[in-house]
């Protein structure tokens, strides 16, 4: 029983000591250009998505569901 407690405490201490080590970034600065590639975007056409988001905000603005201010008539 003592041996089990000793092993548990030793592994807990080792686990806690590894948390204090320095963390290296997953993405190196020279690899960030690969992540900025347009193929990594979630939507195909960001301009169209922005326009449709604006239309949605203008329609739902009268109800208060969106983040845009203005009426539901689209005259903001």
Protein backbone atom coordinates (compact mmCIF):
# COMPACT_ATOMS: atom_id res chain seq x y z
CA UNK A 1 0.00 0.00 0.00
CA UNK A 2 2.86 2.37 0.83
CA UNK A 3 4.49 1.59 -2.48
CA UNK A 4 1.32 2.52 -4.39
CA UNK A 5 1.02 5.86 -2.60
CA UNK A 6 4.72 6.58 -3.19
CA UNK A 7 4.39 5.81 -6.92
CA UNK A 8 1.29 7.98 -7.16
CA UNK A 9 2.95 10.93 -5.42
CA UNK A 10 6.08 10.57 -7.51
CA UNK A 11 4.12 10.53 -10.75
CA UNK A 12 2.02 13.50 -9.60
CA UNK A 13 5.15 15.51 -8.78
CA UNK A 14 6.73 14.65 -12.12
CA UNK A 15 3.53 15.57 -13.91
CA UNK A 16 3.36 18.93 -12.14
CA UNK A 17 7.01 19.67 -12.85
CA UNK A 18 6.51 19.15 -16.57
CA UNK A 19 3.80 21.81 -16.51
CA UNK A 20 6.46 24.37 -15.56
CA UNK A 21 8.53 23.79 -18.68
CA UNK A 22 8.57 26.38 -21.44
CA UNK A 23 6.00 26.01 -24.19
CA UNK A 24 7.16 26.24 -27.78
CA UNK A 25 4.67 27.67 -30.26
CA UNK A 26 3.03 25.07 -32.46
CA UNK A 27 3.28 27.29 -35.51
CA UNK A 28 6.68 28.75 -36.21
CA UNK A 29 6.83 32.33 -37.54
CA UNK A 30 8.04 31.15 -40.93
CA UNK A 31 5.08 28.71 -41.20
CA UNK A 32 2.39 31.33 -40.66
CA UNK A 33 2.36 32.20 -44.34
CA UNK A 34 0.97 28.74 -45.07
CA UNK A 35 -1.95 29.36 -42.72
CA UNK A 36 -2.70 32.71 -44.37
CA UNK A 37 -3.26 30.96 -47.70
CA UNK A 38 -6.74 31.70 -49.15
CA UNK A 39 -7.42 27.97 -49.36
CA UNK A 40 -7.57 27.91 -45.55
CA UNK A 41 -10.66 30.18 -45.48
CA UNK A 42 -13.91 28.70 -44.23
CA UNK A 43 -16.05 30.32 -46.93
CA UNK A 44 -15.39 30.45 -50.64
CA UNK A 45 -16.35 34.07 -51.25
CA UNK A 46 -15.76 36.35 -48.24
CA UNK A 47 -17.09 39.43 -50.07
CA UNK A 48 -20.39 37.71 -50.79
CA UNK A 49 -20.57 36.39 -47.24
CA UNK A 50 -19.98 39.88 -45.89
CA UNK A 51 -22.75 41.27 -48.10
CA UNK A 52 -25.20 38.55 -47.07
CA UNK A 53 -24.29 39.15 -43.42
CA UNK A 54 -25.05 42.85 -43.88
CA UNK A 55 -28.41 42.06 -45.48
CA UNK A 56 -29.23 39.68 -42.64
CA UNK A 57 -28.25 42.30 -40.04
CA UNK A 58 -30.40 44.92 -41.79
CA UNK A 59 -33.42 42.61 -41.81
CA UNK A 60 -33.01 41.41 -38.25
CA UNK A 61 -31.97 44.84 -36.92
CA UNK A 62 -35.56 45.85 -36.27
CA UNK A 63 -35.99 42.81 -34.06
CA UNK A 64 -32.69 43.31 -32.23
CA UNK A 65 -31.24 39.92 -33.07
CA UNK A 66 -28.12 41.09 -34.86
CA UNK A 67 -25.23 43.37 -34.02
CA UNK A 68 -26.05 46.08 -36.55
CA UNK A 69 -28.01 49.16 -35.62
CA UNK A 70 -30.83 50.44 -37.75
CA UNK A 71 -34.28 49.57 -38.86
CA UNK A 72 -35.51 46.53 -40.68
CA UNK A 73 -36.18 48.50 -43.83
CA UNK A 74 -32.55 48.36 -44.97
CA UNK A 75 -32.11 52.13 -44.96
CA UNK A 76 -29.20 52.32 -42.55
